[in-house]
Amino acid sequence: MREIITLQCPDCKNRNYSTTKNKRTTTGRLEFQKFCNTCRKHTPHKETK
């Protein structure tokens, strides 16, 4: 079953992006290189609760 998660910038703590993941196959936390509009640069956005 796929669940909606949010991605948070580690520098400014803004929650900028949302995506889905399969909880059965991906048990760890996701991390993507995304552009943060507040920081004006690419940062590794991590999954939050």
PDB file of N, CA and C in Angstrom:
ATOM      1  N   MET A   1       0.840  -1.177   0.000  1.00  0.00           N
ATOM      2  CA  MET A   1       0.000   0.000   0.000  1.00  0.00           C
ATOM      3  C   MET A   1       0.886   1.241   0.000  1.00  0.00           C
ATOM      4  N   ARG A   2       0.579   2.173  -0.887  1.00  0.00           N
ATOM      5  CA  ARG A   2       1.363   3.400  -1.020  1.00  0.00           C
ATOM      6  C   ARG A   2       0.815   4.468  -0.084  1.00  0.00           C
ATOM      7  N   GLU A   3       1.731   5.182   0.566  1.00  0.00           N
ATOM      8  CA  GLU A   3       1.335   6.242   1.484  1.00  0.00           C
ATOM      9  C   GLU A   3       2.001   7.543   1.087  1.00  0.00           C
ATOM     10  N   ILE A   4       1.334   8.653   1.363  1.00  0.00           N
ATOM     11  CA  ILE A   4       1.858   9.974   1.040  1.00  0.00           C
ATOM     12  C   ILE A   4       2.838  10.401   2.137  1.00  0.00           C
ATOM     13  N   ILE A   5       4.012  10.867   1.721  1.00  0.00           N
ATOM     14  CA  ILE A   5       5.016  11.363   2.652  1.00  0.00           C
ATOM     15  C   ILE A   5       5.397  12.779   2.238  1.00  0.00           C
ATOM     16  N   THR A   6       5.995  13.539   3.161  1.00  0.00           N
ATOM     17  CA  THR A   6       6.474  14.876   2.843  1.00  0.00           C
ATOM     18  C   THR A   6       7.994  14.905   2.964  1.00  0.00           C
ATOM     19  N   LEU A   7       8.617  15.758   2.155  1.00  0.00           N
ATOM     20  CA  LEU A   7      10.060  15.908   2.158  1.00  0.00           C
ATOM     21  C   LEU A   7      10.422  17.265   2.743  1.00  0.00           C
ATOM     22  N   GLN A   8      11.426  17.294   3.624  1.00  0.00           N
ATOM     23  CA  GLN A   8      11.799  18.503   4.343  1.00  0.00           C
ATOM     24  C   GLN A   8      13.243  18.888   4.040  1.00  0.00           C
ATOM     25  N   CYS A   9      13.472  20.182   3.862  1.00  0.00           N
ATOM     26  CA  CYS A   9      14.817  20.705   3.645  1.00  0.00           C
ATOM     27  C   CYS A   9      15.554  20.718   4.981  1.00  0.00           C
ATOM     28  N   PRO A  10      16.792  20.194   5.044  1.00  0.00           N
ATOM     29  CA  PRO A  10      17.514  20.173   6.322  1.00  0.00           C
ATOM     30  C   PRO A  10      18.046  21.545   6.735  1.00  0.00           C
ATOM     31  N   ASP A  11      18.245  22.459   5.784  1.00  0.00           N
ATOM     32  CA  ASP A  11      18.806  23.773   6.110  1.00  0.00           C
ATOM     33  C   ASP A  11      17.767  24.712   6.705  1.00  0.00           C
ATOM     34  N   CYS A  12      16.640  24.910   5.988  1.00  0.00           N
ATOM     35  CA  CYS A  12      15.645  25.882   6.447  1.00  0.00           C
ATOM     36  C   CYS A  12      14.436  25.228   7.105  1.00  0.00           C
ATOM     37  N   LYS A  13      14.356  23.909   7.121  1.00  0.00           N
ATOM     38  CA  LYS A  13      13.283  23.135   7.765  1.00  0.00           C
ATOM     39  C   LYS A  13      11.908  23.330   7.111  1.00  0.00           C
ATOM     40  N   ASN A  14      11.874  23.800   5.865  1.00  0.00           N
ATOM     41  CA  ASN A  14      10.594  23.925   5.154  1.00  0.00           C
ATOM     42  C   ASN A  14      10.215  22.582   4.557  1.00  0.00           C
ATOM     43  N   ARG A  15       8.942  22.277   4.594  1.00  0.00           N
ATOM     44  CA  ARG A  15       8.429  21.058   3.968  1.00  0.00           C
ATOM     45  C   ARG A  15       7.909  21.427   2.591  1.00  0.00           C
ATOM     46  N   ASN A  16       8.733  21.197   1.574  1.00  0.00           N
ATOM     47  CA  ASN A  16       8.481  21.708   0.241  1.00  0.00           C
ATOM     48  C   ASN A  16       7.786  20.730  -0.687  1.00  0.00           C
ATOM     49  N   TYR A  17       8.073  19.462  -0.579  1.00  0.00           N
ATOM     50  CA  TYR A  17       7.614  18.473  -1.554  1.00  0.00           C
ATOM     51  C   TYR A  17       6.849  17.354  -0.874  1.00  0.00           C
ATOM     52  N   SER A  18       5.958  16.728  -1.638  1.00  0.00           N
ATOM     53  CA  SER A  18       5.262  15.536  -1.169  1.00  0.00           C
ATOM     54  C   SER A  18       5.347  14.484  -2.268  1.00  0.00           C
ATOM     55  N   THR A  19       5.412  13.226  -1.857  1.00  0.00           N
ATOM     56  CA  THR A  19       5.508  12.117  -2.789  1.00  0.00           C
ATOM     57  C   THR A  19       4.886  10.890  -2.127  1.00  0.00           C
ATOM     58  N   THR A  20       4.872   9.767  -2.825  1.00  0.00           N
ATOM     59  CA  THR A  20       4.335   8.534  -2.268  1.00  0.00           C
ATOM     60  C   THR A  20       5.435   7.479  -2.241  1.00  0.00           C
ATOM     61  N   LYS A  21       5.268   6.530  -1.317  1.00  0.00           N
ATOM     62  CA  LYS A  21       6.194   5.406  -1.281  1.00  0.00           C
ATOM     63  C   LYS A  21       5.459   4.162  -0.811  1.00  0.00           C
ATOM     64  N   ASN A  22       5.995   3.010  -1.188  1.00  0.00           N
ATOM     65  CA  ASN A  22       5.451   1.731  -0.784  1.00  0.00           C
ATOM     66  C   ASN A  22       6.108   1.342   0.537  1.00  0.00           C
ATOM     67  N   LYS A  23       5.331   1.275   1.611  1.00  0.00           N
ATOM     68  CA  LYS A  23       5.876   1.004   2.943  1.00  0.00           C
ATOM     69  C   LYS A  23       6.390  -0.437   3.080  1.00  0.00           C
ATOM     70  N   ARG A  24       5.874  -1.358   2.277  1.00  0.00           N
ATOM     71  CA  ARG A  24       6.313  -2.745   2.394  1.00  0.00           C
ATOM     72  C   ARG A  24       7.694  -2.959   1.801  1.00  0.00           C
ATOM     73  N   THR A  25       7.950  -2.347   0.649  1.00  0.00           N
ATOM     74  CA  THR A  25       9.237  -2.575  -0.017  1.00  0.00           C
ATOM     75  C   THR A  25      10.306  -1.588   0.415  1.00  0.00           C
ATOM     76  N   THR A  26       9.921  -0.378   0.803  1.00  0.00           N
ATOM     77  CA  THR A  26      10.876   0.648   1.216  1.00  0.00           C
ATOM     78  C   THR A  26      10.638   0.968   2.679  1.00  0.00           C
ATOM     79  N   THR A  27      11.424   0.357   3.548  1.00  0.00           N
ATOM     80  CA  THR A  27      11.206   0.543   4.975  1.00  0.00           C
ATOM     81  C   THR A  27      12.000   1.721   5.517  1.00  0.00           C
ATOM     82  N   GLY A  28      13.096   2.095   4.844  1.00  0.00           N
ATOM     83  CA  GLY A  28      13.925   3.207   5.313  1.00  0.00           C
ATOM     84  C   GLY A  28      13.339   4.553   4.907  1.00  0.00           C
ATOM     85  N   ARG A  29      14.030   5.614   5.309  1.00  0.00           N
ATOM     86  CA  ARG A  29      13.590   6.972   4.972  1.00  0.00           C
ATOM     87  C   ARG A  29      14.158   7.374   3.609  1.00  0.00           C
ATOM     88  N   LEU A  30      13.328   8.000   2.795  1.00  0.00           N
ATOM     89  CA  LEU A  30      13.755   8.438   1.477  1.00  0.00           C
ATOM     90  C   LEU A  30      14.524   9.746   1.557  1.00  0.00           C
ATOM     91  N   GLU A  31      15.399   9.955   0.575  1.00  0.00           N
ATOM     92  CA  GLU A  31      16.150  11.206   0.485  1.00  0.00           C
ATOM     93  C   GLU A  31      16.382  11.523  -0.990  1.00  0.00           C
ATOM     94  N   PHE A  32      15.995  12.733  -1.407  1.00  0.00           N
ATOM     95  CA  PHE A  32      16.150  13.168  -2.797  1.00  0.00           C
ATOM     96  C   PHE A  32      16.868  14.508  -2.845  1.00  0.00           C
ATOM     97  N   GLN A  33      17.641  14.734  -3.914  1.00  0.00           N
ATOM     98  CA  GLN A  33      18.213  16.051  -4.176  1.00  0.00           C
ATOM     99  C   GLN A  33      17.121  16.894  -4.829  1.00  0.00           C
ATOM    100  N   LYS A  34      16.651  17.916  -4.132  1.00  0.00           N
ATOM    101  CA  LYS A  34      15.587  18.780  -4.643  1.00  0.00           C
ATOM    102  C   LYS A  34      15.986  20.237  -4.493  1.00  0.00           C
ATOM    103  N   PHE A  35      15.342  21.102  -5.274  1.00  0.00           N
ATOM    104  CA  PHE A  35      15.598  22.530  -5.190  1.00  0.00           C
ATOM    105  C   PHE A  35      14.697  23.147  -4.125  1.00  0.00           C
ATOM    106  N   CYS A  36      15.294  23.930  -3.220  1.00  0.00           N
ATOM    107  CA  CYS A  36      14.550  24.614  -2.171  1.00  0.00           C
ATOM    108  C   CYS A  36      14.409  26.077  -2.559  1.00  0.00           C
ATOM    109  N   ASN A  37      13.178  26.572  -2.655  1.00  0.00           N
ATOM    110  CA  ASN A  37      12.940  27.959  -3.040  1.00  0.00           C
ATOM    111  C   ASN A  37      13.394  28.932  -1.962  1.00  0.00           C
ATOM    112  N   THR A  38      13.343  28.544  -0.711  1.00  0.00           N
ATOM    113  CA  THR A  38      13.756  29.425   0.375  1.00  0.00           C
ATOM    114  C   THR A  38      15.273  29.576   0.409  1.00  0.00           C
ATOM    115  N   CYS A  39      15.992  28.465   0.284  1.00  0.00           N
ATOM    116  CA  CYS A  39      17.460  28.499   0.303  1.00  0.00           C
ATOM    117  C   CYS A  39      18.047  28.904  -1.046  1.00  0.00           C
ATOM    118  N   ARG A  40      17.279  28.761  -2.114  1.00  0.00           N
ATOM    119  CA  ARG A  40      17.713  29.059  -3.478  1.00  0.00           C
ATOM    120  C   ARG A  40      18.881  28.174  -3.920  1.00  0.00           C
ATOM    121  N   LYS A  41      18.850  26.879  -3.501  1.00  0.00           N
ATOM    122  CA  LYS A  41      19.878  25.937  -3.930  1.00  0.00           C
ATOM    123  C   LYS A  41      19.347  24.516  -3.810  1.00  0.00           C
ATOM    124  N   HIS A  42      20.069  23.570  -4.389  1.00  0.00           N
ATOM    125  CA  HIS A  42      19.712  22.166  -4.300  1.00  0.00           C
ATOM    126  C   HIS A  42      20.231  21.599  -2.980  1.00  0.00           C
ATOM    127  N   THR A  43      19.345  20.946  -2.241  1.00  0.00           N
ATOM    128  CA  THR A  43      19.706  20.343  -0.960  1.00  0.00           C
ATOM    129  C   THR A  43      19.112  18.944  -0.887  1.00  0.00           C
ATOM    130  N   PRO A  44      19.669  18.055  -0.054  1.00  0.00           N
ATOM    131  CA  PRO A  44      19.104  16.703   0.092  1.00  0.00           C
ATOM    132  C   PRO A  44      17.863  16.745   1.001  1.00  0.00           C
ATOM    133  N   HIS A  45      16.685  16.681   0.400  1.00  0.00           N
ATOM    134  CA  HIS A  45      15.437  16.694   1.155  1.00  0.00           C
ATOM    135  C   HIS A  45      15.168  15.298   1.701  1.00  0.00           C
ATOM    136  N   LYS A  46      14.836  15.220   3.001  1.00  0.00           N
ATOM    137  CA  LYS A  46      14.632  13.935   3.651  1.00  0.00           C
ATOM    138  C   LYS A  46      13.167  13.754   4.039  1.00  0.00           C
ATOM    139  N   GLU A  47      12.756  12.510   4.162  1.00  0.00           N
ATOM    140  CA  GLU A  47      11.380  12.165   4.535  1.00  0.00           C
ATOM    141  C   GLU A  47      11.116  12.530   5.996  1.00  0.00           C
ATOM    142  N   THR A  48       9.933  13.108   6.249  1.00  0.00           N
ATOM    143  CA  THR A  48       9.521  13.434   7.607  1.00  0.00           C
ATOM    144  C   THR A  48       8.261  12.670   7.945  1.00  0.00           C
ATOM    145  N   LYS A  49       7.886  12.701   9.221  1.00  0.00           N
ATOM    146  CA  LYS A  49       6.661  12.022   9.645  1.00  0.00           C
ATOM    147  C   LYS A  49       5.450  12.850   9.316  1.00  0.00           C
TER     148      LYS A  49
END
